[in-house]
Amino acid sequence: MNQQIFKKNKPKPLIQQSTKTPTSTMKITYKPLKSLYDPKGLDLHKTYHLLVKEPQEVIPVLEDCLQKNPNNPLAITWLCAAYESLDQKDKARELLEENVQLYPQYIYNLTRLSKIYLEEGAHEKVPPLFKNTWNLKELFPDRNVFHIGEVIAFLQVCCDYFYQAGKKEEANNYLTMLKEVHPKKDHQLIQDLEKKLAT
């Protein structure tokens, strides 16, 4: 990773250089982290297809799943996504605010709630969700492996947060990190962030 973007007074690197100390390193995986995101009875392919194509129909499926397995962050994430796609952001926010307090270790729900706050222009609500740290390894010191989706979602939130906070240099630092880890350098997400930061 390009060390020039991690100079003094800039955000600490999300991904630290490998050392012999396990706690100081972090790995990115493309494999599902079943220990954290166990589907717990969800038919992943069918449920995701419904979420994308028929969000109204997937809501009762996910609500039933949560009745049986309340501690199912994947179902919570997808239910909130369904609410948002149907322009029911109040429901999504309420569900997320409750669950990030109960299960703060689930990065996707932290980042989804952050995005809602940022869309509402309430960027000041974001730092407390991440304990005022902008480094995944510092936020979750007991974890050494993160899924690429978690990393991308976190970096996007960091970029958007610093942009709204009027700190473009920091926002650009996180955009640089995002470009370095994202498997598709020309992804629409990156293009949209580049346009935003250019204004």
C-alpha atoms as a PDB file:
ATOM      1  CA  MET A   1       0.000   0.000   0.000  1.00  0.00           C
ATOM      2  CA  ASN A   2       1.169   3.486  -0.817  1.00  0.00           C
ATOM      3  CA  GLN A   3       2.545   4.887   2.426  1.00  0.00           C
ATOM      4  CA  GLN A   4       2.532   8.474   1.130  1.00  0.00           C
ATOM      5  CA  ILE A   5      -1.153   8.836   1.968  1.00  0.00           C
ATOM      6  CA  PHE A   6      -0.511   8.092   5.640  1.00  0.00           C
ATOM      7  CA  LYS A   7       1.543  11.073   6.691  1.00  0.00           C
ATOM      8  CA  LYS A   8       1.319  12.817  10.039  1.00  0.00           C
ATOM      9  CA  ASN A   9      -2.105  14.189  10.949  1.00  0.00           C
ATOM     10  CA  LYS A  10      -3.789  12.014   8.345  1.00  0.00           C
ATOM     11  CA  PRO A  11      -6.045   9.025   9.109  1.00  0.00           C
ATOM     12  CA  LYS A  12      -4.205   5.906  10.163  1.00  0.00           C
ATOM     13  CA  PRO A  13      -4.081   3.228   7.467  1.00  0.00           C
ATOM     14  CA  LEU A  14      -7.010   0.872   7.331  1.00  0.00           C
ATOM     15  CA  ILE A  15      -4.723  -1.961   6.297  1.00  0.00           C
ATOM     16  CA  GLN A  16      -1.413  -2.010   8.090  1.00  0.00           C
ATOM     17  CA  GLN A  17       1.771  -3.435   6.686  1.00  0.00           C
ATOM     18  CA  SER A  18       2.402  -7.064   7.619  1.00  0.00           C
ATOM     19  CA  THR A  19       4.557  -7.626  10.684  1.00  0.00           C
ATOM     20  CA  LYS A  20       5.260 -10.580  12.913  1.00  0.00           C
ATOM     21  CA  THR A  21       2.711  -9.331  15.444  1.00  0.00           C
ATOM     22  CA  PRO A  22      -0.709 -10.826  14.610  1.00  0.00           C
ATOM     23  CA  THR A  23      -2.624  -8.068  16.372  1.00  0.00           C
ATOM     24  CA  SER A  24      -1.039  -5.417  14.178  1.00  0.00           C
ATOM     25  CA  THR A  25      -2.048  -7.026  10.898  1.00  0.00           C
ATOM     26  CA  MET A  26      -5.325  -7.318   9.069  1.00  0.00           C
ATOM     27  CA  LYS A  27      -6.289  -9.544   6.181  1.00  0.00           C
ATOM     28  CA  ILE A  28      -9.047  -9.118   3.613  1.00  0.00           C
ATOM     29  CA  THR A  29     -11.012 -12.149   2.453  1.00  0.00           C
ATOM     30  CA  TYR A  30     -13.542 -12.717  -0.311  1.00  0.00           C
ATOM     31  CA  LYS A  31     -14.988 -15.754   1.470  1.00  0.00           C
ATOM     32  CA  PRO A  32     -18.129 -15.404   3.634  1.00  0.00           C
ATOM     33  CA  LEU A  33     -17.390 -14.987   7.327  1.00  0.00           C
ATOM     34  CA  LYS A  34     -19.910 -17.519   8.584  1.00  0.00           C
ATOM     35  CA  SER A  35     -18.882 -17.064  12.206  1.00  0.00           C
ATOM     36  CA  LEU A  36     -20.230 -13.505  12.064  1.00  0.00           C
ATOM     37  CA  TYR A  37     -22.791 -13.630   9.278  1.00  0.00           C
ATOM     38  CA  ASP A  38     -24.469 -17.001   9.604  1.00  0.00           C
ATOM     39  CA  PRO A  39     -27.645 -16.966   7.480  1.00  0.00           C
ATOM     40  CA  LYS A  40     -29.454 -18.950  10.219  1.00  0.00           C
ATOM     41  CA  GLY A  41     -32.161 -20.512   8.141  1.00  0.00           C
ATOM     42  CA  LEU A  42     -32.263 -18.017   5.289  1.00  0.00           C
ATOM     43  CA  ASP A  43     -32.208 -19.310   1.733  1.00  0.00           C
ATOM     44  CA  LEU A  44     -29.558 -16.828   0.648  1.00  0.00           C
ATOM     45  CA  HIS A  45     -30.048 -17.075  -3.124  1.00  0.00           C
ATOM     46  CA  LYS A  46     -33.860 -16.928  -3.020  1.00  0.00           C
ATOM     47  CA  THR A  47     -33.977 -14.222  -0.360  1.00  0.00           C
ATOM     48  CA  TYR A  48     -31.439 -12.005  -2.109  1.00  0.00           C
ATOM     49  CA  HIS A  49     -33.297 -12.422  -5.418  1.00  0.00           C
ATOM     50  CA  LEU A  50     -36.516 -11.266  -3.724  1.00  0.00           C
ATOM     51  CA  LEU A  51     -34.704  -8.363  -2.100  1.00  0.00           C
ATOM     52  CA  VAL A  52     -33.479  -7.115  -5.465  1.00  0.00           C
ATOM     53  CA  LYS A  53     -36.558  -7.869  -7.549  1.00  0.00           C
ATOM     54  CA  GLU A  54     -39.498  -7.775  -5.104  1.00  0.00           C
ATOM     55  CA  PRO A  55     -38.537  -5.986  -1.865  1.00  0.00           C
ATOM     56  CA  GLN A  56     -42.154  -5.847  -0.730  1.00  0.00           C
ATOM     57  CA  GLU A  57     -42.365  -9.642  -0.836  1.00  0.00           C
ATOM     58  CA  VAL A  58     -39.102 -10.232   1.015  1.00  0.00           C
ATOM     59  CA  ILE A  59     -40.132  -8.172   4.060  1.00  0.00           C
ATOM     60  CA  PRO A  60     -42.435 -10.840   5.618  1.00  0.00           C
ATOM     61  CA  VAL A  61     -39.792 -13.497   4.924  1.00  0.00           C
ATOM     62  CA  LEU A  62     -37.138 -11.518   6.797  1.00  0.00           C
ATOM     63  CA  GLU A  63     -39.499 -10.487   9.595  1.00  0.00           C
ATOM     64  CA  ASP A  64     -40.409 -14.151  10.118  1.00  0.00           C
ATOM     65  CA  CYS A  65     -36.723 -15.049  10.165  1.00  0.00           C
ATOM     66  CA  LEU A  66     -36.062 -12.434  12.842  1.00  0.00           C
ATOM     67  CA  GLN A  67     -38.941 -13.707  14.936  1.00  0.00           C
ATOM     68  CA  LYS A  68     -37.230 -17.110  15.018  1.00  0.00           C
ATOM     69  CA  ASN A  69     -33.645 -15.824  15.192  1.00  0.00           C
ATOM     70  CA  PRO A  70     -33.542 -12.238  16.557  1.00  0.00           C
ATOM     71  CA  ASN A  71     -29.725 -12.236  16.530  1.00  0.00           C
ATOM     72  CA  ASN A  72     -29.416 -12.437  12.758  1.00  0.00           C
ATOM     73  CA  PRO A  73     -27.518  -9.410  11.455  1.00  0.00           C
ATOM     74  CA  LEU A  74     -27.807 -10.515   7.842  1.00  0.00           C
ATOM     75  CA  ALA A  75     -31.611 -10.572   8.070  1.00  0.00           C
ATOM     76  CA  ILE A  76     -31.538  -7.159   9.761  1.00  0.00           C
ATOM     77  CA  THR A  77     -29.314  -5.727   7.039  1.00  0.00           C
ATOM     78  CA  TRP A  78     -31.478  -7.068   4.247  1.00  0.00           C
ATOM     79  CA  LEU A  79     -34.712  -6.009   5.943  1.00  0.00           C
ATOM     80  CA  CYS A  80     -33.374  -2.480   6.257  1.00  0.00           C
ATOM     81  CA  ALA A  81     -32.345  -2.562   2.596  1.00  0.00           C
ATOM     82  CA  ALA A  82     -35.892  -3.604   1.675  1.00  0.00           C
ATOM     83  CA  TYR A  83     -37.345  -0.781   3.775  1.00  0.00           C
ATOM     84  CA  GLU A  84     -35.030   1.741   2.121  1.00  0.00           C
ATOM     85  CA  SER A  85     -35.840   0.540  -1.389  1.00  0.00           C
ATOM     86  CA  LEU A  86     -39.527   1.132  -0.578  1.00  0.00           C
ATOM     87  CA  ASP A  87     -38.720   4.603   0.785  1.00  0.00           C
ATOM     88  CA  GLN A  88     -39.416   3.541   4.378  1.00  0.00           C
ATOM     89  CA  LYS A  89     -36.227   4.981   5.832  1.00  0.00           C
ATOM     90  CA  ASP A  90     -37.806   5.718   9.198  1.00  0.00           C
ATOM     91  CA  LYS A  91     -38.379   1.988   9.706  1.00  0.00           C
ATOM     92  CA  ALA A  92     -34.856   1.202   8.560  1.00  0.00           C
ATOM     93  CA  ARG A  93     -33.330   3.809  10.873  1.00  0.00           C
ATOM     94  CA  GLU A  94     -35.342   2.640  13.876  1.00  0.00           C
ATOM     95  CA  LEU A  95     -34.381  -0.995  13.343  1.00  0.00           C
ATOM     96  CA  LEU A  96     -30.719  -0.164  12.827  1.00  0.00           C
ATOM     97  CA  GLU A  97     -30.474   2.184  15.798  1.00  0.00           C
ATOM     98  CA  GLU A  98     -31.822  -0.567  18.032  1.00  0.00           C
ATOM     99  CA  ASN A  99     -29.560  -3.258  16.661  1.00  0.00           C
ATOM    100  CA  VAL A 100     -26.258  -1.363  16.543  1.00  0.00           C
ATOM    101  CA  GLN A 101     -26.648  -0.939  20.278  1.00  0.00           C
ATOM    102  CA  LEU A 102     -27.308  -4.653  20.789  1.00  0.00           C
ATOM    103  CA  TYR A 103     -24.793  -5.967  18.250  1.00  0.00           C
ATOM    104  CA  PRO A 104     -22.131  -3.295  17.571  1.00  0.00           C
ATOM    105  CA  GLN A 105     -19.780  -5.896  16.074  1.00  0.00           C
ATOM    106  CA  TYR A 106     -21.765  -6.114  12.833  1.00  0.00           C
ATOM    107  CA  ILE A 107     -20.067  -3.706  10.466  1.00  0.00           C
ATOM    108  CA  TYR A 108     -22.728  -3.761   7.755  1.00  0.00           C
ATOM    109  CA  ASN A 109     -25.382  -2.435  10.103  1.00  0.00           C
ATOM    110  CA  LEU A 110     -23.040   0.268  11.408  1.00  0.00           C
ATOM    111  CA  THR A 111     -22.251   1.401   7.881  1.00  0.00           C
ATOM    112  CA  ARG A 112     -25.874   1.229   6.712  1.00  0.00           C
ATOM    113  CA  LEU A 113     -27.019   3.409   9.617  1.00  0.00           C
ATOM    114  CA  SER A 114     -24.134   5.775   8.909  1.00  0.00           C
ATOM    115  CA  LYS A 115     -25.264   6.118   5.298  1.00  0.00           C
ATOM    116  CA  ILE A 116     -28.780   7.019   6.433  1.00  0.00           C
ATOM    117  CA  TYR A 117     -27.396   9.711   8.741  1.00  0.00           C
ATOM    118  CA  LEU A 118     -25.176  11.039   5.967  1.00  0.00           C
ATOM    119  CA  GLU A 119     -28.047  11.124   3.489  1.00  0.00           C
ATOM    120  CA  GLU A 120     -29.977  13.148   6.040  1.00  0.00           C
ATOM    121  CA  GLY A 121     -27.062  15.550   6.455  1.00  0.00           C
ATOM    122  CA  ALA A 122     -26.492  14.475  10.056  1.00  0.00           C
ATOM    123  CA  HIS A 123     -22.801  13.626   9.753  1.00  0.00           C
ATOM    124  CA  GLU A 124     -22.199  14.454  13.430  1.00  0.00           C
ATOM    125  CA  LYS A 125     -24.051  11.244  14.365  1.00  0.00           C
ATOM    126  CA  VAL A 126     -21.544   9.039  12.559  1.00  0.00           C
ATOM    127  CA  PRO A 127     -18.346   9.207  14.704  1.00  0.00           C
ATOM    128  CA  PRO A 128     -19.988   7.793  17.874  1.00  0.00           C
ATOM    129  CA  LEU A 129     -21.054   4.709  15.915  1.00  0.00           C
ATOM    130  CA  PHE A 130     -17.371   3.968  15.279  1.00  0.00           C
ATOM    131  CA  LYS A 131     -16.149   5.091  18.708  1.00  0.00           C
ATOM    132  CA  ASN A 132     -14.489   8.057  17.001  1.00  0.00           C
ATOM    133  CA  THR A 133     -11.920   5.852  15.303  1.00  0.00           C
ATOM    134  CA  TRP A 134     -11.488   5.514  11.548  1.00  0.00           C
ATOM    135  CA  ASN A 135      -9.462   2.332  11.471  1.00  0.00           C
ATOM    136  CA  LEU A 136     -11.187  -1.058  11.357  1.00  0.00           C
ATOM    137  CA  LYS A 137      -8.374  -2.810  13.186  1.00  0.00           C
ATOM    138  CA  GLU A 138      -8.564  -0.326  16.043  1.00  0.00           C
ATOM    139  CA  LEU A 139     -12.342  -0.571  16.098  1.00  0.00           C
ATOM    140  CA  PHE A 140     -12.259  -4.379  16.225  1.00  0.00           C
ATOM    141  CA  PRO A 141      -8.878  -5.270  17.798  1.00  0.00           C
ATOM    142  CA  ASP A 142      -9.832  -8.932  18.259  1.00  0.00           C
ATOM    143  CA  ARG A 143     -10.382  -9.455  14.550  1.00  0.00           C
ATOM    144  CA  ASN A 144      -7.609 -10.052  12.047  1.00  0.00           C
ATOM    145  CA  VAL A 145      -9.760 -10.931   9.021  1.00  0.00           C
ATOM    146  CA  PHE A 146     -12.370  -8.702   7.377  1.00  0.00           C
ATOM    147  CA  HIS A 147     -14.560  -9.382   4.369  1.00  0.00           C
ATOM    148  CA  ILE A 148     -13.947  -7.200   1.324  1.00  0.00           C
ATOM    149  CA  GLY A 149     -17.568  -6.011   1.513  1.00  0.00           C
ATOM    150  CA  GLU A 150     -17.042  -4.795   5.083  1.00  0.00           C
ATOM    151  CA  VAL A 151     -13.897  -2.938   4.095  1.00  0.00           C
ATOM    152  CA  ILE A 152     -15.513  -1.249   1.087  1.00  0.00           C
ATOM    153  CA  ALA A 153     -18.600  -0.229   3.071  1.00  0.00           C
ATOM    154  CA  PHE A 154     -16.434   1.200   5.861  1.00  0.00           C
ATOM    155  CA  LEU A 155     -14.185   3.152   3.503  1.00  0.00           C
ATOM    156  CA  GLN A 156     -17.172   4.582   1.655  1.00  0.00           C
ATOM    157  CA  VAL A 157     -18.656   5.836   4.923  1.00  0.00           C
ATOM    158  CA  CYS A 158     -15.309   7.353   5.953  1.00  0.00           C
ATOM    159  CA  CYS A 159     -15.000   9.127   2.617  1.00  0.00           C
ATOM    160  CA  ASP A 160     -18.554  10.487   2.734  1.00  0.00           C
ATOM    161  CA  TYR A 161     -18.254  11.488   6.386  1.00  0.00           C
ATOM    162  CA  PHE A 162     -15.083  13.529   5.950  1.00  0.00           C
ATOM    163  CA  TYR A 163     -16.505  15.140   2.825  1.00  0.00           C
ATOM    164  CA  GLN A 164     -19.611  16.281   4.714  1.00  0.00           C
ATOM    165  CA  ALA A 165     -17.456  17.410   7.624  1.00  0.00           C
ATOM    166  CA  GLY A 166     -15.578  19.717   5.246  1.00  0.00           C
ATOM    167  CA  LYS A 167     -12.339  17.733   5.424  1.00  0.00           C
ATOM    168  CA  LYS A 168     -11.631  16.982   1.778  1.00  0.00           C
ATOM    169  CA  GLU A 169      -8.027  15.934   2.309  1.00  0.00           C
ATOM    170  CA  GLU A 170      -9.083  13.173   4.689  1.00  0.00           C
ATOM    171  CA  ALA A 171     -11.940  12.226   2.347  1.00  0.00           C
ATOM    172  CA  ASN A 172      -9.474  11.879  -0.524  1.00  0.00           C
ATOM    173  CA  ASN A 173      -7.198   9.744   1.636  1.00  0.00           C
ATOM    174  CA  TYR A 174     -10.013   7.252   2.175  1.00  0.00           C
ATOM    175  CA  LEU A 175     -10.956   7.371  -1.494  1.00  0.00           C
ATOM    176  CA  THR A 176      -7.363   6.425  -2.301  1.00  0.00           C
ATOM    177  CA  MET A 177      -7.575   3.485   0.098  1.00  0.00           C
ATOM    178  CA  LEU A 178     -10.880   2.442  -1.456  1.00  0.00           C
ATOM    179  CA  LYS A 179      -9.345   2.427  -4.917  1.00  0.00           C
ATOM    180  CA  GLU A 180      -6.467   0.301  -3.657  1.00  0.00           C
ATOM    181  CA  VAL A 181      -8.655  -2.433  -2.166  1.00  0.00           C
ATOM    182  CA  HIS A 182     -11.644  -2.390  -4.520  1.00  0.00           C
ATOM    183  CA  PRO A 183     -11.491  -5.258  -7.039  1.00  0.00           C
ATOM    184  CA  LYS A 184     -12.983  -3.017  -9.770  1.00  0.00           C
ATOM    185  CA  LYS A 185     -11.078   0.238 -10.094  1.00  0.00           C
ATOM    186  CA  ASP A 186     -13.718   1.742 -12.401  1.00  0.00           C
ATOM    187  CA  HIS A 187     -16.677   0.757 -10.229  1.00  0.00           C
ATOM    188  CA  GLN A 188     -19.597   3.193 -10.193  1.00  0.00           C
ATOM    189  CA  LEU A 189     -19.126   3.751  -6.455  1.00  0.00           C
ATOM    190  CA  ILE A 190     -15.591   5.024  -7.025  1.00  0.00           C
ATOM    191  CA  GLN A 191     -16.670   7.195  -9.945  1.00  0.00           C
ATOM    192  CA  ASP A 192     -19.469   8.753  -7.893  1.00  0.00           C
ATOM    193  CA  LEU A 193     -17.120   9.519  -4.992  1.00  0.00           C
ATOM    194  CA  GLU A 194     -14.556  11.022  -7.345  1.00  0.00           C
ATOM    195  CA  LYS A 195     -17.185  13.362  -8.808  1.00  0.00           C
ATOM    196  CA  LYS A 196     -18.396  14.310  -5.351  1.00  0.00           C
ATOM    197  CA  LEU A 197     -14.937  15.118  -4.044  1.00  0.00           C
ATOM    198  CA  ALA A 198     -14.158  17.150  -7.155  1.00  0.00           C
ATOM    199  CA  THR A 199     -16.856  19.680  -6.248  1.00  0.00           C
END
